[in-house]
Amino acid sequence: MTMPEPFELFAIRYAHHGGRRQSDNFIGGDIHEEASPLDYFVWVARRSDRLFLIDTGFGHDAAKARDRTLQRLPAEGVRLLGVDPGQIEDVVLTHLHYDHAGTLDDFPRACFHVQDREMAFATGRCMCHAAMRAPFAVEDVVGLVRHVHAGRARFHDGMSELAPGLQLHRIGGHTAGLQAVKVWTRRGWVVVASDASHLYANMERRAPFPIVQNVGDMLDGHDTLYRLADSPDHVIPGHDPLVMRRYPAPTAELDGIVARLDVPPAAG
């Protein structure tokens, strides 16, 4: 079987949140123990014939409202890779929480790829409950509905192949329609887990993140991530600061901002 041209794959860090407790990151975590902070990423997969942006992050208003440190707008981060956000045609929304589906209008030519179940979840009866709707930003969801009516959305049900070497896989758990992205790279199949596992420790310890729609689906999702990837080192969690330490920057100027995920991680 002839494999497609591999994608380059990058993580772009755009925001940070410190001062977290174990109970913020793990169900059953000790409220007295400190835990890893969270980094916030968007991801770019590109090759000679296609480019995909994975998630669109959040902007200034969300950062202020939720006390997050915004280091750069996601569109500004994309520009650091020489990519014009105004020319991006395909954006995968792994799910519709505020930190993954904001700033949609910064990508005016994009078609947004989302799971059927995610849109139903974000606009359905579960949003009557404050605890369930808290991680969503209503204006982001309404904005996506507008793009649907403008013909700028494509819906998926389960697994879809957007291009040879790039697949969507519904995982669920964290939200009803969360999807991971499986990408063919020069080091093999890498899986961008997004919030199927916020941290390496969530999947390694089978310790679920506490913002969850279905705990069983989240735990099963950890197994799915490992099954889809070529090895555990080929799974990239959605918010772990270790990503920036384990993977090199594409240039010295982008150290601490962008990490290359299509090369092996550092040992240790």
Protein backbone atom coordinates (compact mmCIF):
# COMPACT_ATOMS: atom_id res chain seq x y z
CA MET A 1 0.00 0.00 0.00
CA THR A 2 1.37 3.39 -1.01
CA MET A 3 1.20 5.85 1.85
CA PRO A 4 0.27 9.48 1.20
CA GLU A 5 2.64 12.39 1.53
CA PRO A 6 3.15 12.93 5.27
CA PHE A 7 1.86 16.01 7.01
CA GLU A 8 3.97 18.37 9.02
CA LEU A 9 2.25 18.71 12.40
CA PHE A 10 2.61 21.57 14.86
CA ALA A 11 1.23 22.57 18.25
CA ILE A 12 0.89 26.33 18.77
CA ARG A 13 0.60 27.52 22.36
CA TYR A 14 -1.62 30.57 22.68
CA ALA A 15 -2.65 30.73 26.38
CA HIS A 16 -1.89 29.45 29.88
CA HIS A 17 -3.64 28.82 33.19
CA GLY A 18 -1.72 28.24 36.42
CA GLY A 19 -2.60 27.82 40.07
CA ARG A 20 -4.48 24.57 39.62
CA ARG A 21 -5.14 21.81 42.18
CA GLN A 22 -5.16 18.05 41.69
CA SER A 23 -8.94 18.18 41.99
CA ASP A 24 -9.06 20.59 39.03
CA ASN A 25 -7.35 18.07 36.76
CA PHE A 26 -8.36 14.63 38.08
CA ILE A 27 -11.58 13.15 39.40
CA GLY A 28 -10.81 12.25 43.01
CA GLY A 29 -7.71 14.46 43.12
CA ASP A 30 -6.65 15.91 46.47
CA ILE A 31 -7.90 19.48 46.82
CA HIS A 32 -4.84 20.25 48.97
CA GLU A 33 -2.28 19.14 46.36
CA GLU A 34 -1.04 21.31 43.52
CA ALA A 35 -1.31 20.02 39.96
CA SER A 36 0.07 20.80 36.56
CA PRO A 37 -1.00 24.09 35.00
CA LEU A 38 -2.70 23.97 31.64
CA ASP A 39 -1.44 25.25 28.33
CA TYR A 40 -3.85 26.01 25.50
CA PHE A 41 -3.07 24.96 21.94
CA VAL A 42 -4.27 25.00 18.41
CA TRP A 43 -2.66 22.63 15.91
CA VAL A 44 -1.69 22.86 12.24
CA ALA A 45 -1.29 19.91 9.85
CA ARG A 46 0.11 20.85 6.45
CA ARG A 47 1.70 19.35 3.36
CA SER A 48 2.10 20.42 -0.25
CA ASP A 49 -1.56 19.91 -1.22
CA ARG A 50 -3.59 20.49 1.98
CA LEU A 51 -3.59 22.45 5.21
CA PHE A 52 -5.82 21.90 8.22
CA LEU A 53 -6.18 24.00 11.35
CA ILE A 54 -7.33 22.02 14.36
CA ASP A 55 -9.37 24.22 16.72
CA THR A 56 -9.59 27.99 16.94
CA GLY A 57 -8.96 28.69 20.63
CA PHE A 58 -10.32 31.78 22.38
CA GLY A 59 -9.79 35.52 22.31
CA HIS A 60 -9.48 38.49 24.65
CA ASP A 61 -13.02 38.50 26.03
CA ALA A 62 -12.93 34.84 27.06
CA ALA A 63 -9.47 35.23 28.58
CA LYS A 64 -10.71 38.09 30.76
CA ALA A 65 -13.98 36.39 31.71
CA ARG A 66 -12.30 33.12 32.68
CA ASP A 67 -9.04 34.49 34.10
CA ARG A 68 -6.77 32.87 31.55
CA THR A 69 -3.49 34.35 30.32
CA LEU A 70 -3.80 34.95 26.59
CA GLN A 71 -0.31 35.01 25.11
CA ARG A 72 -1.37 35.55 21.49
CA LEU A 73 -4.51 35.18 19.46
CA PRO A 74 -4.68 31.80 17.70
CA ALA A 75 -4.66 33.55 14.32
CA GLU A 76 -1.45 35.33 15.33
CA GLY A 77 0.07 31.99 16.28
CA VAL A 78 -0.83 30.54 12.90
CA ARG A 79 0.91 33.44 11.19
CA LEU A 80 4.14 32.48 12.96
CA LEU A 81 4.20 29.40 10.74
CA GLY A 82 3.85 31.53 7.63
CA VAL A 83 0.18 30.66 7.27
CA ASP A 84 -2.36 33.36 6.40
CA PRO A 85 -5.43 32.68 8.59
CA GLY A 86 -7.58 34.38 5.98
CA GLN A 87 -6.67 31.69 3.46
CA ILE A 88 -7.30 28.59 5.62
CA GLU A 89 -10.05 26.51 4.03
CA ASP A 90 -10.45 23.63 6.51
CA VAL A 91 -10.81 23.93 10.29
CA VAL A 92 -11.48 20.90 12.47
CA LEU A 93 -13.35 21.74 15.67
CA THR A 94 -12.56 18.94 18.06
CA HIS A 95 -15.46 20.11 20.25
CA LEU A 96 -17.29 23.33 21.03
CA HIS A 97 -15.97 24.36 24.46
CA TYR A 98 -14.94 28.01 24.67
CA ASP A 99 -11.22 27.26 24.43
CA HIS A 100 -11.52 25.26 21.22
CA ALA A 101 -14.22 26.98 19.18
CA GLY A 102 -13.79 30.73 19.67
CA THR A 103 -12.40 33.29 17.19
CA LEU A 104 -14.20 31.61 14.28
CA ASP A 105 -14.46 34.87 12.39
CA ASP A 106 -10.67 35.16 12.25
CA PHE A 107 -10.81 32.40 9.61
CA PRO A 108 -13.22 33.87 7.05
CA ARG A 109 -12.74 31.28 4.28
CA ALA A 110 -12.85 28.19 6.47
CA CYS A 111 -15.23 25.28 6.36
CA PHE A 112 -15.72 24.04 9.93
CA HIS A 113 -15.70 20.28 10.51
CA VAL A 114 -17.71 19.14 13.53
CA GLN A 115 -19.39 15.97 14.73
CA ASP A 116 -23.19 15.70 14.50
CA ARG A 117 -23.40 14.77 18.18
CA GLU A 118 -21.38 17.79 19.26
CA MET A 119 -23.69 20.30 17.65
CA ALA A 120 -26.71 18.45 19.03
CA PHE A 121 -25.10 18.45 22.48
CA ALA A 122 -24.17 22.14 22.43
CA THR A 123 -27.65 23.23 21.33
CA GLY A 124 -29.80 20.60 23.04
CA ARG A 125 -31.41 19.84 26.36
CA CYS A 126 -28.14 19.30 28.25
CA MET A 127 -27.50 23.03 27.95
CA CYS A 128 -30.47 23.63 30.28
CA HIS A 129 -28.12 22.60 33.11
CA ALA A 130 -25.65 25.25 34.28
CA ALA A 131 -22.96 22.68 35.08
CA MET A 132 -23.09 21.27 31.56
CA ARG A 133 -23.12 24.58 29.70
CA ALA A 134 -20.42 26.26 31.78
CA PRO A 135 -17.49 25.32 29.49
CA PHE A 136 -19.36 26.59 26.42
CA ALA A 137 -19.57 30.20 25.27
CA VAL A 138 -23.01 30.84 23.86
CA GLU A 139 -21.81 33.40 21.33
CA ASP A 140 -19.32 30.88 19.92
CA VAL A 141 -22.06 28.28 19.53
CA VAL A 142 -24.43 30.81 17.95
CA GLY A 143 -21.59 31.93 15.68
CA LEU A 144 -21.11 28.39 14.45
CA VAL A 145 -24.85 28.08 13.80
CA ARG A 146 -24.57 31.16 11.59
CA HIS A 147 -21.73 29.52 9.67
CA VAL A 148 -23.86 26.40 9.25
CA HIS A 149 -26.58 28.55 7.67
CA ALA A 150 -23.95 30.21 5.47
CA GLY A 151 -22.91 26.84 4.09
CA ARG A 152 -19.57 26.85 5.88
CA ALA A 153 -19.84 23.71 8.00
CA ARG A 154 -19.49 20.01 7.33
CA PHE A 155 -20.87 17.44 9.72
CA HIS A 156 -19.38 14.03 10.53
CA ASP A 157 -20.71 10.95 12.26
CA GLY A 158 -17.99 8.83 13.87
CA MET A 159 -14.94 8.35 11.63
CA SER A 160 -14.29 10.46 8.54
CA GLU A 161 -11.26 10.83 6.28
CA LEU A 162 -10.83 14.46 5.28
CA ALA A 163 -7.81 13.68 3.12
CA PRO A 164 -5.54 10.68 2.65
CA GLY A 165 -3.53 10.67 5.87
CA LEU A 166 -5.92 12.74 8.02
CA GLN A 167 -8.88 11.19 9.83
CA LEU A 168 -11.45 12.29 12.38
CA HIS A 169 -12.52 9.87 15.12
CA ARG A 170 -15.36 10.59 17.52
CA ILE A 171 -14.23 9.81 21.07
CA GLY A 172 -16.88 11.43 23.26
CA GLY A 173 -16.57 11.45 27.04
CA HIS A 174 -15.46 15.01 27.67
CA THR A 175 -18.34 16.15 25.46
CA ALA A 176 -20.83 14.07 23.50
CA GLY A 177 -19.16 14.73 20.15
CA LEU A 178 -15.50 15.28 20.94
CA GLN A 179 -13.30 14.11 18.07
CA ALA A 180 -9.59 13.33 17.91
CA VAL A 181 -7.54 13.81 14.75
CA LYS A 182 -5.31 11.04 13.41
CA VAL A 183 -2.52 12.40 11.20
CA TRP A 184 -0.01 10.59 9.00
CA THR A 185 3.44 12.12 9.55
CA ARG A 186 7.03 11.20 8.76
CA ARG A 187 7.19 9.38 12.11
CA GLY A 188 3.95 7.50 11.53
CA TRP A 189 0.39 7.97 12.78
CA VAL A 190 0.14 10.74 15.40
CA VAL A 191 -3.14 11.38 17.21
CA VAL A 192 -4.06 14.87 18.37
CA ALA A 193 -6.20 13.87 21.34
CA SER A 194 -7.48 17.34 22.16
CA ASP A 195 -9.54 17.00 25.34
CA ALA A 196 -9.99 13.25 25.07
CA SER A 197 -7.01 13.56 27.44
CA HIS A 198 -6.06 16.98 28.78
CA LEU A 199 -2.77 15.76 30.25
CA TYR A 200 -0.49 12.78 29.71
CA ALA A 201 -1.35 11.75 33.27
CA ASN A 202 -5.08 11.54 32.56
CA MET A 203 -4.61 8.69 30.09
CA GLU A 204 -1.52 7.14 31.67
CA ARG A 205 -3.14 6.86 35.11
CA ARG A 206 -6.68 6.34 33.75
CA ALA A 207 -7.59 9.35 35.90
CA PRO A 208 -10.42 11.25 34.18
CA PHE A 209 -10.52 15.01 33.88
CA PRO A 210 -13.42 16.35 35.99
CA ILE A 211 -15.20 18.28 33.19
CA VAL A 212 -16.91 15.30 31.63
CA GLN A 213 -20.17 14.34 29.96
CA ASN A 214 -19.69 10.55 30.33
CA VAL A 215 -16.92 9.12 32.50
CA GLY A 216 -17.10 5.65 30.96
CA ASP A 217 -16.75 7.04 27.45
CA MET A 218 -13.81 9.17 28.57
CA LEU A 219 -11.99 6.13 29.99
CA ASP A 220 -12.77 4.03 26.93
CA GLY A 221 -11.52 6.95 24.87
CA HIS A 222 -8.08 6.68 26.45
CA ASP A 223 -7.87 3.13 25.08
CA THR A 224 -9.08 4.34 21.69
CA LEU A 225 -6.36 6.98 21.53
CA TYR A 226 -3.66 4.36 22.09
CA ARG A 227 -5.24 2.04 19.54
CA LEU A 228 -5.34 4.72 16.85
CA ALA A 229 -1.73 5.89 17.37
CA ASP A 230 1.45 4.04 16.45
CA SER A 231 2.59 4.11 20.10
CA PRO A 232 1.79 5.97 23.33
CA ASP A 233 4.45 8.51 22.30
CA HIS A 234 2.32 9.25 19.23
CA VAL A 235 -0.62 10.58 21.31
CA ILE A 236 -0.64 14.34 21.95
CA PRO A 237 -2.77 15.51 24.91
CA GLY A 238 -4.78 18.68 24.62
CA HIS A 239 -3.42 20.89 27.41
CA ASP A 240 -0.19 19.46 28.81
CA PRO A 241 2.76 21.89 29.22
CA LEU A 242 5.03 18.85 28.77
CA VAL A 243 4.28 18.96 25.04
CA MET A 244 6.43 22.07 24.70
CA ARG A 245 9.26 20.40 26.62
CA ARG A 246 9.18 17.06 24.83
CA TYR A 247 8.98 18.34 21.27
CA PRO A 248 11.37 20.75 19.53
CA ALA A 249 10.51 24.11 18.08
CA PRO A 250 10.72 24.42 14.29
CA THR A 251 13.08 27.39 14.74
CA ALA A 252 14.93 28.93 17.66
CA GLU A 253 12.68 32.00 17.49
CA LEU A 254 9.60 29.84 18.08
CA ASP A 255 10.94 27.99 21.11
CA GLY A 256 8.24 27.81 23.76
CA ILE A 257 5.57 28.89 21.27
CA VAL A 258 5.45 26.19 18.58
CA ALA A 259 6.38 22.51 18.85
CA ARG A 260 6.93 20.06 16.00
CA LEU A 261 4.93 16.90 16.57
CA ASP A 262 6.01 15.05 13.43
CA VAL A 263 9.39 14.22 14.96
CA PRO A 264 10.04 11.90 17.92
CA PRO A 265 9.81 13.38 21.42
CA ALA A 266 12.88 13.89 23.56
CA ALA A 267 13.81 10.94 25.73
CA GLY A 268 12.76 11.01 29.36
